[in-house]
Amino acid sequence: MANITFIEACGQETTINLPDGWSLMQGATANGVDGIVGECGGSCACATCHCYVDEARLGDLPPPSEGELDMLENVACERRPNSRLACQIKATAALEGLIVRLPESQE
């Protein structure tokens, strides 16, 4: 399990203790975090779970797949070097304390 902090565009912070194997998108939607839509249910087909991962922790994540990189071309808000899709990041103990910021809009 890992405590992950989501910071919504309005500044509201929510820390969730996610079970190993849950995606950040699953955790956010199951816990009412505003700013993650997840229209495709986590199949990496919509880019509505775009997030900005704390740059200092990017090395703790597996690299994005080609499919994720393709979907990041379609995000509604600015794509940054630390942009990821929350559906593609699985919680593990190694991600304890990760901070994820959410864009102003997903659509």
N, C-alpha and C. Protein backbone atom coordinates (compact mmCIF):
# COMPACT_ATOMS: atom_id res chain seq x y z
N MET A 1 0.84 -1.18 0.00
CA MET A 1 0.00 0.00 0.00
C MET A 1 0.88 1.24 0.00
N ALA A 2 0.30 2.31 -0.52
CA ALA A 2 1.05 3.56 -0.58
C ALA A 2 0.11 4.74 -0.38
N ASN A 3 0.56 5.71 0.40
CA ASN A 3 -0.18 6.95 0.55
C ASN A 3 0.19 7.85 -0.62
N ILE A 4 -0.81 8.21 -1.41
CA ILE A 4 -0.63 9.07 -2.57
C ILE A 4 -1.44 10.34 -2.32
N THR A 5 -0.83 11.50 -2.54
CA THR A 5 -1.53 12.77 -2.36
C THR A 5 -1.88 13.35 -3.71
N PHE A 6 -3.16 13.62 -3.89
CA PHE A 6 -3.68 14.26 -5.09
C PHE A 6 -3.95 15.72 -4.76
N ILE A 7 -3.46 16.63 -5.58
CA ILE A 7 -3.73 18.05 -5.40
C ILE A 7 -4.55 18.52 -6.59
N GLU A 8 -5.80 18.88 -6.30
CA GLU A 8 -6.72 19.33 -7.33
C GLU A 8 -6.31 20.72 -7.80
N ALA A 9 -6.80 21.14 -8.95
CA ALA A 9 -6.45 22.44 -9.53
C ALA A 9 -6.78 23.59 -8.58
N CYS A 10 -7.81 23.41 -7.74
CA CYS A 10 -8.22 24.45 -6.79
C CYS A 10 -7.32 24.48 -5.55
N GLY A 11 -6.41 23.51 -5.43
CA GLY A 11 -5.51 23.45 -4.29
C GLY A 11 -5.91 22.45 -3.22
N GLN A 12 -7.11 21.88 -3.32
CA GLN A 12 -7.58 20.88 -2.36
C GLN A 12 -6.68 19.64 -2.42
N GLU A 13 -6.17 19.22 -1.25
CA GLU A 13 -5.31 18.04 -1.17
C GLU A 13 -6.08 16.87 -0.56
N THR A 14 -5.91 15.70 -1.17
CA THR A 14 -6.50 14.48 -0.65
C THR A 14 -5.44 13.40 -0.67
N THR A 15 -5.19 12.79 0.48
CA THR A 15 -4.23 11.69 0.55
C THR A 15 -5.01 10.40 0.70
N ILE A 16 -4.68 9.44 -0.15
CA ILE A 16 -5.38 8.15 -0.18
C ILE A 16 -4.36 7.04 -0.01
N ASN A 17 -4.69 6.07 0.82
CA ASN A 17 -3.86 4.89 0.99
C ASN A 17 -4.33 3.85 -0.02
N LEU A 18 -3.59 3.71 -1.12
CA LEU A 18 -4.00 2.82 -2.21
C LEU A 18 -3.39 1.43 -2.06
N PRO A 19 -4.21 0.41 -2.24
CA PRO A 19 -3.69 -0.96 -2.23
C PRO A 19 -2.74 -1.20 -3.41
N ASP A 20 -1.77 -2.04 -3.22
CA ASP A 20 -0.87 -2.41 -4.31
C ASP A 20 -1.68 -2.92 -5.50
N GLY A 21 -1.29 -2.45 -6.68
CA GLY A 21 -1.94 -2.89 -7.91
C GLY A 21 -3.07 -1.99 -8.38
N TRP A 22 -3.61 -1.16 -7.49
CA TRP A 22 -4.64 -0.21 -7.92
C TRP A 22 -3.97 0.88 -8.72
N SER A 23 -4.65 1.35 -9.76
CA SER A 23 -4.11 2.49 -10.50
C SER A 23 -4.45 3.76 -9.72
N LEU A 24 -3.67 4.81 -9.97
CA LEU A 24 -3.96 6.09 -9.35
C LEU A 24 -5.35 6.58 -9.76
N MET A 25 -5.75 6.30 -10.98
CA MET A 25 -7.09 6.68 -11.44
C MET A 25 -8.16 5.97 -10.63
N GLN A 26 -8.01 4.68 -10.41
CA GLN A 26 -8.99 3.93 -9.62
C GLN A 26 -9.11 4.52 -8.21
N GLY A 27 -7.99 4.80 -7.61
CA GLY A 27 -8.00 5.34 -6.26
C GLY A 27 -8.66 6.70 -6.21
N ALA A 28 -8.36 7.55 -7.18
CA ALA A 28 -8.93 8.90 -7.20
C ALA A 28 -10.44 8.86 -7.42
N THR A 29 -10.89 8.08 -8.39
CA THR A 29 -12.33 8.04 -8.68
C THR A 29 -13.10 7.36 -7.55
N ALA A 30 -12.55 6.33 -6.94
CA ALA A 30 -13.22 5.63 -5.85
C ALA A 30 -13.32 6.49 -4.59
N ASN A 31 -12.48 7.50 -4.50
CA ASN A 31 -12.45 8.34 -3.30
C ASN A 31 -12.91 9.77 -3.55
N GLY A 32 -13.55 10.01 -4.69
CA GLY A 32 -14.16 11.30 -4.97
C GLY A 32 -13.21 12.45 -5.23
N VAL A 33 -12.00 12.16 -5.70
CA VAL A 33 -11.07 13.23 -6.04
C VAL A 33 -11.57 13.92 -7.30
N ASP A 34 -11.78 15.23 -7.21
CA ASP A 34 -12.27 16.00 -8.35
C ASP A 34 -11.10 16.29 -9.29
N GLY A 35 -11.28 16.03 -10.56
CA GLY A 35 -10.24 16.34 -11.52
C GLY A 35 -9.74 15.14 -12.31
N ILE A 36 -10.19 13.95 -11.92
CA ILE A 36 -9.88 12.74 -12.69
C ILE A 36 -11.22 12.20 -13.17
N VAL A 37 -11.37 12.09 -14.49
CA VAL A 37 -12.63 11.63 -15.06
C VAL A 37 -12.56 10.12 -15.33
N GLY A 38 -11.55 9.69 -16.07
CA GLY A 38 -11.39 8.27 -16.37
C GLY A 38 -12.51 7.71 -17.23
N GLU A 39 -12.87 8.42 -18.29
CA GLU A 39 -13.98 8.01 -19.15
C GLU A 39 -13.84 6.59 -19.70
N CYS A 40 -12.63 6.16 -19.99
CA CYS A 40 -12.44 4.84 -20.62
C CYS A 40 -12.30 3.73 -19.58
N GLY A 41 -12.36 4.08 -18.31
CA GLY A 41 -12.27 3.07 -17.26
C GLY A 41 -10.87 2.53 -17.03
N GLY A 42 -9.88 3.18 -17.59
CA GLY A 42 -8.50 2.76 -17.33
C GLY A 42 -7.86 1.98 -18.46
N SER A 43 -8.43 2.04 -19.64
CA SER A 43 -7.87 1.27 -20.75
C SER A 43 -6.92 2.08 -21.63
N CYS A 44 -6.49 3.24 -21.15
CA CYS A 44 -5.53 4.08 -21.87
C CYS A 44 -6.06 4.48 -23.24
N ALA A 45 -7.35 4.92 -23.25
CA ALA A 45 -7.97 5.25 -24.53
C ALA A 45 -8.65 6.62 -24.54
N CYS A 46 -8.44 7.44 -23.48
CA CYS A 46 -9.18 8.71 -23.49
C CYS A 46 -8.39 9.91 -22.97
N ALA A 47 -7.38 9.74 -22.18
CA ALA A 47 -6.55 10.82 -21.63
C ALA A 47 -7.29 11.72 -20.65
N THR A 48 -8.42 11.23 -20.07
CA THR A 48 -9.13 12.05 -19.09
C THR A 48 -8.71 11.76 -17.65
N CYS A 49 -7.55 11.16 -17.50
CA CYS A 49 -6.95 10.98 -16.17
C CYS A 49 -5.54 11.57 -16.17
N HIS A 50 -5.35 12.55 -17.02
CA HIS A 50 -4.07 13.25 -17.13
C HIS A 50 -3.69 13.83 -15.76
N CYS A 51 -2.44 13.70 -15.41
CA CYS A 51 -1.96 14.26 -14.15
C CYS A 51 -0.50 14.66 -14.30
N TYR A 52 -0.05 15.44 -13.33
CA TYR A 52 1.35 15.86 -13.28
C TYR A 52 1.99 15.21 -12.06
N VAL A 53 2.94 14.34 -12.31
CA VAL A 53 3.62 13.62 -11.23
C VAL A 53 4.77 14.48 -10.71
N ASP A 54 4.96 14.46 -9.41
CA ASP A 54 6.08 15.18 -8.80
C ASP A 54 7.36 14.83 -9.56
N GLU A 55 8.00 15.84 -10.14
CA GLU A 55 9.17 15.60 -10.99
C GLU A 55 10.29 14.86 -10.28
N ALA A 56 10.45 15.09 -9.00
CA ALA A 56 11.51 14.42 -8.24
C ALA A 56 11.27 12.92 -8.13
N ARG A 57 10.04 12.47 -8.40
CA ARG A 57 9.70 11.05 -8.26
C ARG A 57 9.50 10.33 -9.59
N LEU A 58 9.71 11.02 -10.71
CA LEU A 58 9.51 10.38 -12.00
C LEU A 58 10.33 9.10 -12.15
N GLY A 59 11.51 9.08 -11.59
CA GLY A 59 12.37 7.91 -11.68
C GLY A 59 11.84 6.71 -10.92
N ASP A 60 10.86 6.92 -10.03
CA ASP A 60 10.27 5.82 -9.28
C ASP A 60 9.18 5.10 -10.07
N LEU A 61 8.81 5.68 -11.21
CA LEU A 61 7.74 5.10 -12.04
C LEU A 61 8.31 4.35 -13.22
N PRO A 62 7.62 3.32 -13.67
CA PRO A 62 8.03 2.71 -14.93
C PRO A 62 7.83 3.73 -16.05
N PRO A 63 8.62 3.67 -17.10
CA PRO A 63 8.44 4.63 -18.19
C PRO A 63 7.08 4.44 -18.86
N PRO A 64 6.55 5.52 -19.44
CA PRO A 64 5.26 5.39 -20.13
C PRO A 64 5.38 4.48 -21.36
N SER A 65 4.31 3.75 -21.61
CA SER A 65 4.27 2.90 -22.80
C SER A 65 4.07 3.78 -24.03
N GLU A 66 4.26 3.19 -25.18
CA GLU A 66 4.02 3.91 -26.44
C GLU A 66 2.57 4.37 -26.52
N GLY A 67 1.64 3.52 -26.08
CA GLY A 67 0.23 3.88 -26.08
C GLY A 67 -0.07 5.07 -25.18
N GLU A 68 0.55 5.09 -24.00
CA GLU A 68 0.36 6.22 -23.10
C GLU A 68 0.91 7.50 -23.72
N LEU A 69 2.09 7.40 -24.31
CA LEU A 69 2.67 8.59 -24.95
C LEU A 69 1.77 9.11 -26.06
N ASP A 70 1.17 8.20 -26.83
CA ASP A 70 0.24 8.60 -27.89
C ASP A 70 -0.97 9.32 -27.30
N MET A 71 -1.53 8.80 -26.21
CA MET A 71 -2.70 9.41 -25.58
C MET A 71 -2.35 10.76 -24.96
N LEU A 72 -1.16 10.93 -24.47
CA LEU A 72 -0.75 12.21 -23.88
C LEU A 72 -0.73 13.33 -24.92
N GLU A 73 -0.72 12.96 -26.20
CA GLU A 73 -0.81 13.97 -27.26
C GLU A 73 -2.20 14.60 -27.30
N ASN A 74 -3.19 13.98 -26.63
CA ASN A 74 -4.58 14.42 -26.70
C ASN A 74 -5.09 15.04 -25.41
N VAL A 75 -4.22 15.40 -24.49
CA VAL A 75 -4.70 15.95 -23.22
C VAL A 75 -5.29 17.34 -23.42
N ALA A 76 -6.27 17.69 -22.57
CA ALA A 76 -6.97 18.97 -22.68
C ALA A 76 -6.13 20.14 -22.19
N CYS A 77 -5.34 19.92 -21.15
CA CYS A 77 -4.49 20.98 -20.60
C CYS A 77 -3.04 20.75 -21.02
N GLU A 78 -2.22 21.70 -20.70
CA GLU A 78 -0.81 21.67 -21.10
C GLU A 78 -0.14 20.33 -20.78
N ARG A 79 0.51 19.77 -21.78
CA ARG A 79 1.34 18.58 -21.56
C ARG A 79 2.70 19.07 -21.10
N ARG A 80 3.19 18.47 -20.03
CA ARG A 80 4.48 18.84 -19.46
C ARG A 80 5.39 17.61 -19.44
N PRO A 81 6.68 17.81 -19.16
CA PRO A 81 7.58 16.65 -19.08
C PRO A 81 7.17 15.63 -18.02
N ASN A 82 6.43 16.07 -17.00
CA ASN A 82 6.00 15.16 -15.93
C ASN A 82 4.54 14.72 -16.09
N SER A 83 3.97 14.92 -17.29
CA SER A 83 2.60 14.48 -17.56
C SER A 83 2.56 12.96 -17.68
N ARG A 84 1.55 12.39 -17.02
CA ARG A 84 1.29 10.95 -17.12
C ARG A 84 -0.21 10.73 -17.10
N LEU A 85 -0.62 9.52 -17.44
CA LEU A 85 -2.02 9.12 -17.30
C LEU A 85 -2.13 8.31 -16.02
N ALA A 86 -3.02 8.73 -15.13
CA ALA A 86 -3.15 8.09 -13.82
C ALA A 86 -3.60 6.63 -13.93
N CYS A 87 -4.25 6.28 -15.02
CA CYS A 87 -4.68 4.88 -15.20
C CYS A 87 -3.50 3.95 -15.45
N GLN A 88 -2.37 4.50 -15.82
CA GLN A 88 -1.21 3.68 -16.17
C GLN A 88 -0.18 3.58 -15.04
N ILE A 89 -0.47 4.20 -13.91
CA ILE A 89 0.46 4.16 -12.78
C ILE A 89 -0.18 3.30 -11.68
N LYS A 90 0.45 2.19 -11.37
CA LYS A 90 -0.05 1.27 -10.36
C LYS A 90 0.63 1.55 -9.01
N ALA A 91 -0.18 1.54 -7.97
CA ALA A 91 0.34 1.78 -6.62
C ALA A 91 1.23 0.62 -6.18
N THR A 92 2.35 0.97 -5.60
CA THR A 92 3.25 0.01 -4.96
C THR A 92 3.84 0.72 -3.74
N ALA A 93 4.42 -0.04 -2.84
CA ALA A 93 5.04 0.55 -1.66
C ALA A 93 6.13 1.56 -2.05
N ALA A 94 6.75 1.36 -3.20
CA ALA A 94 7.82 2.27 -3.66
C ALA A 94 7.29 3.67 -3.97
N LEU A 95 5.98 3.81 -4.14
CA LEU A 95 5.41 5.12 -4.45
C LEU A 95 4.90 5.86 -3.21
N GLU A 96 5.18 5.32 -2.03
CA GLU A 96 4.77 5.97 -0.78
C GLU A 96 5.13 7.46 -0.79
N GLY A 97 4.13 8.29 -0.51
CA GLY A 97 4.35 9.73 -0.43
C GLY A 97 4.31 10.47 -1.76
N LEU A 98 4.00 9.78 -2.85
CA LEU A 98 3.94 10.43 -4.16
C LEU A 98 2.91 11.55 -4.16
N ILE A 99 3.26 12.65 -4.80
CA ILE A 99 2.35 13.78 -4.96
C ILE A 99 2.00 13.91 -6.43
N VAL A 100 0.70 14.00 -6.71
CA VAL A 100 0.19 14.09 -8.07
C VAL A 100 -0.69 15.32 -8.15
N ARG A 101 -0.41 16.20 -9.08
CA ARG A 101 -1.21 17.41 -9.28
C ARG A 101 -2.14 17.18 -10.48
N LEU A 102 -3.33 17.73 -10.37
CA LEU A 102 -4.32 17.55 -11.42
C LEU A 102 -4.50 18.84 -12.21
N PRO A 103 -4.70 18.71 -13.53
CA PRO A 103 -4.89 19.91 -14.37
C PRO A 103 -6.25 20.55 -14.12
N GLU A 104 -6.43 21.75 -14.66
CA GLU A 104 -7.69 22.47 -14.49
C GLU A 104 -8.87 21.77 -15.16
N SER A 105 -8.59 21.03 -16.23
CA SER A 105 -9.67 20.38 -16.97
C SER A 105 -9.15 19.09 -17.61
N GLN A 106 -10.06 18.15 -17.80
CA GLN A 106 -9.74 16.91 -18.51
C GLN A 106 -10.42 16.88 -19.88
N GLU A 107 -11.30 17.84 -20.12
CA GLU A 107 -12.04 17.83 -21.38
C GLU A 107 -12.00 19.18 -22.03
